[in-house]
Amino acid sequence: AIKHLKRLLRYDVDDLLDQVNNFTVFAEDLRASSWRLTNKELRFMEDVMQFQGELVSNAPFIEAVKDAHSCHHEMVSAVFEQIMSLKESMRVHEELLNLAFAE
């Protein structure tokens, strides 16, 4: 369980957020075997359990922020495309007006 937990801790934050349940299971496995851990390992386990608790409690908020960021990015991209389309349309109308007044 500890080897798998170490592998989980090497993931980047997004991957770890996707695997909160796996991380929780292995953190609980570590806690279950705490009776045979050294003092150093017990401190590590306490840190892991604190991290796991914070990860579980903050994961929904982090996901909501990521979703809002993605939505904002899509909206900004759509507005930018509309602006570029409007600029092109204005350029075409300007050319048509120039041609009409040139006659």
N, C-alpha and C. Protein backbone atom coordinates (compact mmCIF):
# COMPACT_ATOMS: atom_id res chain seq x y z
N ALA A 1 0.82 -1.20 0.00
CA ALA A 1 0.00 0.00 0.00
C ALA A 1 0.86 1.26 0.00
N ILE A 2 1.98 1.24 0.72
CA ILE A 2 2.83 2.43 0.80
C ILE A 2 3.46 2.72 -0.56
N LYS A 3 3.88 1.68 -1.28
CA LYS A 3 4.46 1.90 -2.61
C LYS A 3 3.43 2.54 -3.54
N HIS A 4 2.21 2.04 -3.48
CA HIS A 4 1.16 2.61 -4.33
C HIS A 4 0.86 4.05 -3.91
N LEU A 5 0.88 4.30 -2.62
CA LEU A 5 0.66 5.66 -2.12
C LEU A 5 1.75 6.59 -2.61
N LYS A 6 2.98 6.13 -2.61
CA LYS A 6 4.09 6.95 -3.12
C LYS A 6 3.88 7.25 -4.60
N ARG A 7 3.42 6.26 -5.37
CA ARG A 7 3.14 6.49 -6.79
C ARG A 7 2.04 7.53 -6.97
N LEU A 8 1.01 7.44 -6.14
CA LEU A 8 -0.08 8.43 -6.22
C LEU A 8 0.44 9.83 -5.91
N LEU A 9 1.36 9.94 -4.97
CA LEU A 9 1.88 11.25 -4.58
C LEU A 9 2.77 11.85 -5.66
N ARG A 10 3.23 11.05 -6.59
CA ARG A 10 4.06 11.57 -7.68
C ARG A 10 3.23 12.16 -8.82
N TYR A 11 1.93 11.93 -8.80
CA TYR A 11 1.06 12.48 -9.84
C TYR A 11 1.03 14.00 -9.74
N ASP A 12 0.69 14.63 -10.86
CA ASP A 12 0.46 16.08 -10.75
C ASP A 12 -0.90 16.29 -10.09
N VAL A 13 -1.18 17.52 -9.75
CA VAL A 13 -2.37 17.83 -8.96
C VAL A 13 -3.65 17.39 -9.67
N ASP A 14 -3.75 17.63 -10.98
CA ASP A 14 -4.97 17.25 -11.70
C ASP A 14 -5.21 15.75 -11.65
N ASP A 15 -4.13 14.97 -11.86
CA ASP A 15 -4.28 13.51 -11.80
C ASP A 15 -4.67 13.06 -10.39
N LEU A 16 -4.05 13.69 -9.40
CA LEU A 16 -4.37 13.32 -8.02
C LEU A 16 -5.82 13.67 -7.68
N LEU A 17 -6.29 14.81 -8.17
CA LEU A 17 -7.70 15.18 -7.94
C LEU A 17 -8.64 14.17 -8.59
N ASP A 18 -8.24 13.65 -9.76
CA ASP A 18 -9.06 12.65 -10.44
C ASP A 18 -9.08 11.33 -9.67
N GLN A 19 -8.06 11.12 -8.83
CA GLN A 19 -7.95 9.85 -8.11
C GLN A 19 -8.06 10.04 -6.60
N VAL A 20 -8.88 10.98 -6.18
CA VAL A 20 -9.05 11.25 -4.74
C VAL A 20 -9.49 9.99 -4.01
N ASN A 21 -10.39 9.22 -4.61
CA ASN A 21 -10.87 8.01 -3.93
C ASN A 21 -9.76 7.00 -3.74
N ASN A 22 -8.94 6.78 -4.78
CA ASN A 22 -7.82 5.85 -4.65
C ASN A 22 -6.86 6.33 -3.57
N PHE A 23 -6.57 7.62 -3.57
CA PHE A 23 -5.66 8.18 -2.58
C PHE A 23 -6.22 7.97 -1.17
N THR A 24 -7.52 8.17 -1.01
CA THR A 24 -8.16 7.99 0.29
C THR A 24 -8.07 6.55 0.75
N VAL A 25 -8.32 5.60 -0.15
CA VAL A 25 -8.24 4.18 0.19
C VAL A 25 -6.85 3.82 0.68
N PHE A 26 -5.84 4.27 -0.05
CA PHE A 26 -4.48 3.91 0.34
C PHE A 26 -4.02 4.65 1.59
N ALA A 27 -4.51 5.86 1.80
CA ALA A 27 -4.21 6.57 3.05
C ALA A 27 -4.84 5.83 4.23
N GLU A 28 -6.06 5.34 4.04
CA GLU A 28 -6.73 4.57 5.09
C GLU A 28 -5.99 3.25 5.34
N ASP A 29 -5.49 2.61 4.28
CA ASP A 29 -4.69 1.39 4.46
C ASP A 29 -3.44 1.69 5.28
N LEU A 30 -2.83 2.83 5.01
CA LEU A 30 -1.64 3.22 5.76
C LEU A 30 -2.01 3.42 7.23
N ARG A 31 -3.13 4.07 7.48
CA ARG A 31 -3.57 4.28 8.87
C ARG A 31 -3.86 2.95 9.55
N ALA A 32 -4.44 2.00 8.82
CA ALA A 32 -4.78 0.70 9.40
C ALA A 32 -3.54 -0.06 9.85
N SER A 33 -2.42 0.19 9.18
CA SER A 33 -1.19 -0.51 9.57
C SER A 33 -0.29 0.37 10.43
N SER A 34 -0.85 1.41 11.03
CA SER A 34 -0.03 2.36 11.79
C SER A 34 0.58 1.75 13.04
N TRP A 35 0.01 0.68 13.54
CA TRP A 35 0.53 0.05 14.75
C TRP A 35 1.94 -0.49 14.57
N ARG A 36 2.34 -0.74 13.33
CA ARG A 36 3.68 -1.30 13.10
C ARG A 36 4.63 -0.30 12.45
N LEU A 37 4.30 0.97 12.47
CA LEU A 37 5.14 1.99 11.85
C LEU A 37 6.12 2.58 12.87
N THR A 38 7.25 3.02 12.37
CA THR A 38 8.22 3.72 13.22
C THR A 38 7.71 5.13 13.48
N ASN A 39 8.37 5.84 14.39
CA ASN A 39 7.95 7.22 14.68
C ASN A 39 8.02 8.10 13.44
N LYS A 40 9.06 7.92 12.64
CA LYS A 40 9.20 8.71 11.42
C LYS A 40 8.06 8.39 10.45
N GLU A 41 7.74 7.11 10.33
CA GLU A 41 6.65 6.70 9.45
C GLU A 41 5.30 7.18 9.98
N LEU A 42 5.15 7.22 11.31
CA LEU A 42 3.91 7.74 11.90
C LEU A 42 3.73 9.22 11.58
N ARG A 43 4.81 9.99 11.66
CA ARG A 43 4.72 11.41 11.31
C ARG A 43 4.35 11.56 9.83
N PHE A 44 4.95 10.72 8.99
CA PHE A 44 4.61 10.74 7.57
C PHE A 44 3.13 10.41 7.38
N MET A 45 2.66 9.39 8.10
CA MET A 45 1.26 8.99 8.00
C MET A 45 0.35 10.14 8.43
N GLU A 46 0.69 10.83 9.51
CA GLU A 46 -0.12 11.96 9.96
C GLU A 46 -0.17 13.06 8.89
N ASP A 47 0.97 13.32 8.26
CA ASP A 47 1.01 14.32 7.18
C ASP A 47 0.16 13.87 5.99
N VAL A 48 0.25 12.60 5.66
CA VAL A 48 -0.54 12.05 4.55
C VAL A 48 -2.03 12.16 4.87
N MET A 49 -2.40 11.84 6.10
CA MET A 49 -3.81 11.90 6.48
C MET A 49 -4.31 13.35 6.46
N GLN A 50 -3.48 14.28 6.89
CA GLN A 50 -3.88 15.69 6.83
C GLN A 50 -4.04 16.13 5.38
N PHE A 51 -3.07 15.75 4.53
CA PHE A 51 -3.14 16.08 3.11
C PHE A 51 -4.38 15.47 2.48
N GLN A 52 -4.65 14.21 2.82
CA GLN A 52 -5.82 13.52 2.28
C GLN A 52 -7.10 14.24 2.68
N GLY A 53 -7.19 14.65 3.93
CA GLY A 53 -8.38 15.36 4.40
C GLY A 53 -8.58 16.67 3.66
N GLU A 54 -7.49 17.41 3.49
CA GLU A 54 -7.57 18.68 2.77
C GLU A 54 -7.91 18.46 1.30
N LEU A 55 -7.33 17.41 0.72
CA LEU A 55 -7.60 17.11 -0.69
C LEU A 55 -9.08 16.78 -0.88
N VAL A 56 -9.62 15.94 -0.01
CA VAL A 56 -11.03 15.55 -0.12
C VAL A 56 -11.94 16.76 0.08
N SER A 57 -11.62 17.59 1.07
CA SER A 57 -12.50 18.73 1.34
C SER A 57 -12.39 19.82 0.29
N ASN A 58 -11.21 19.96 -0.34
CA ASN A 58 -11.01 21.04 -1.30
C ASN A 58 -11.22 20.61 -2.75
N ALA A 59 -11.27 19.32 -3.02
CA ALA A 59 -11.40 18.84 -4.40
C ALA A 59 -12.63 19.41 -5.11
N PRO A 60 -13.81 19.43 -4.48
CA PRO A 60 -14.97 20.00 -5.19
C PRO A 60 -14.78 21.48 -5.54
N PHE A 61 -14.19 22.24 -4.62
CA PHE A 61 -13.93 23.66 -4.89
C PHE A 61 -12.95 23.83 -6.04
N ILE A 62 -11.88 23.04 -6.02
CA ILE A 62 -10.86 23.12 -7.07
C ILE A 62 -11.48 22.78 -8.42
N GLU A 63 -12.30 21.74 -8.46
CA GLU A 63 -12.96 21.35 -9.70
C GLU A 63 -13.91 22.45 -10.18
N ALA A 64 -14.62 23.08 -9.25
CA ALA A 64 -15.54 24.16 -9.62
C ALA A 64 -14.77 25.34 -10.21
N VAL A 65 -13.62 25.66 -9.62
CA VAL A 65 -12.80 26.76 -10.14
C VAL A 65 -12.26 26.40 -11.52
N LYS A 66 -11.80 25.16 -11.68
CA LYS A 66 -11.31 24.74 -13.00
C LYS A 66 -12.41 24.81 -14.04
N ASP A 67 -13.62 24.38 -13.68
CA ASP A 67 -14.75 24.45 -14.61
C ASP A 67 -15.09 25.89 -14.96
N ALA A 68 -15.07 26.77 -13.96
CA ALA A 68 -15.35 28.19 -14.21
C ALA A 68 -14.28 28.80 -15.11
N HIS A 69 -13.03 28.41 -14.88
CA HIS A 69 -11.93 28.92 -15.71
C HIS A 69 -12.11 28.45 -17.15
N SER A 70 -12.46 27.19 -17.33
CA SER A 70 -12.67 26.65 -18.67
C SER A 70 -13.83 27.37 -19.36
N CYS A 71 -14.92 27.57 -18.63
CA CYS A 71 -16.09 28.27 -19.18
C CYS A 71 -15.71 29.70 -19.57
N HIS A 72 -14.95 30.37 -18.71
CA HIS A 72 -14.51 31.73 -18.99
C HIS A 72 -13.65 31.77 -20.25
N HIS A 73 -12.75 30.80 -20.37
CA HIS A 73 -11.87 30.74 -21.55
C HIS A 73 -12.70 30.54 -22.82
N GLU A 74 -13.68 29.65 -22.77
CA GLU A 74 -14.54 29.43 -23.94
C GLU A 74 -15.32 30.69 -24.29
N MET A 75 -15.82 31.38 -23.27
CA MET A 75 -16.59 32.60 -23.51
C MET A 75 -15.70 33.69 -24.12
N VAL A 76 -14.50 33.86 -23.59
CA VAL A 76 -13.58 34.87 -24.12
C VAL A 76 -13.22 34.54 -25.56
N SER A 77 -12.99 33.26 -25.85
CA SER A 77 -12.67 32.86 -27.22
C SER A 77 -13.83 33.15 -28.16
N ALA A 78 -15.05 32.86 -27.72
CA ALA A 78 -16.23 33.12 -28.55
C ALA A 78 -16.40 34.61 -28.79
N VAL A 79 -16.21 35.42 -27.76
CA VAL A 79 -16.33 36.88 -27.92
C VAL A 79 -15.25 37.39 -28.86
N PHE A 80 -14.04 36.88 -28.73
CA PHE A 80 -12.95 37.28 -29.62
C PHE A 80 -13.29 36.95 -31.07
N GLU A 81 -13.83 35.75 -31.31
CA GLU A 81 -14.22 35.36 -32.67
C GLU A 81 -15.31 36.29 -33.20
N GLN A 82 -16.27 36.65 -32.35
CA GLN A 82 -17.33 37.57 -32.77
C GLN A 82 -16.76 38.95 -33.11
N ILE A 83 -15.81 39.41 -32.31
CA ILE A 83 -15.18 40.71 -32.57
C ILE A 83 -14.45 40.68 -33.91
N MET A 84 -13.70 39.61 -34.15
CA MET A 84 -12.97 39.50 -35.41
C MET A 84 -13.93 39.44 -36.60
N SER A 85 -15.03 38.73 -36.44
CA SER A 85 -16.03 38.65 -37.50
C SER A 85 -16.66 40.02 -37.74
N LEU A 86 -16.96 40.74 -36.68
CA LEU A 86 -17.53 42.07 -36.80
C LEU A 86 -16.55 43.03 -37.47
N LYS A 87 -15.28 42.94 -37.12
CA LYS A 87 -14.26 43.79 -37.76
C LYS A 87 -14.19 43.51 -39.26
N GLU A 88 -14.23 42.25 -39.62
CA GLU A 88 -14.18 41.88 -41.03
C GLU A 88 -15.42 42.40 -41.75
N SER A 89 -16.58 42.25 -41.11
CA SER A 89 -17.82 42.75 -41.70
C SER A 89 -17.76 44.27 -41.88
N MET A 90 -17.24 44.98 -40.89
CA MET A 90 -17.11 46.44 -40.99
C MET A 90 -16.15 46.83 -42.10
N ARG A 91 -15.08 46.06 -42.27
CA ARG A 91 -14.12 46.34 -43.34
C ARG A 91 -14.79 46.18 -44.70
N VAL A 92 -15.58 45.13 -44.86
CA VAL A 92 -16.29 44.89 -46.12
C VAL A 92 -17.28 46.03 -46.38
N HIS A 93 -18.05 46.43 -45.37
CA HIS A 93 -19.01 47.53 -45.54
C HIS A 93 -18.29 48.83 -45.86
N GLU A 94 -17.14 49.06 -45.25
CA GLU A 94 -16.37 50.27 -45.54
C GLU A 94 -15.92 50.29 -47.00
N GLU A 95 -15.46 49.14 -47.49
CA GLU A 95 -15.05 49.05 -48.89
C GLU A 95 -16.24 49.28 -49.82
N LEU A 96 -17.40 48.71 -49.47
CA LEU A 96 -18.59 48.91 -50.29
C LEU A 96 -19.01 50.38 -50.31
N LEU A 97 -18.94 51.05 -49.16
CA LEU A 97 -19.27 52.47 -49.11
C LEU A 97 -18.27 53.29 -49.93
N ASN A 98 -17.01 52.96 -49.84
CA ASN A 98 -15.99 53.66 -50.64
C ASN A 98 -16.26 53.49 -52.13
N LEU A 99 -16.63 52.27 -52.53
CA LEU A 99 -16.96 52.03 -53.94
C LEU A 99 -18.20 52.82 -54.36
N ALA A 100 -19.20 52.87 -53.49
CA ALA A 100 -20.44 53.59 -53.81
C ALA A 100 -20.18 55.08 -53.96
N PHE A 101 -19.37 55.65 -53.08
CA PHE A 101 -19.08 57.08 -53.16
C PHE A 101 -18.10 57.41 -54.28
N ALA A 102 -17.33 56.44 -54.72
CA ALA A 102 -16.36 56.67 -55.80
C ALA A 102 -17.06 56.78 -57.14
N GLU A 103 -18.25 56.24 -57.27
CA GLU A 103 -18.97 56.25 -58.55
C GLU A 103 -19.57 57.55 -58.85
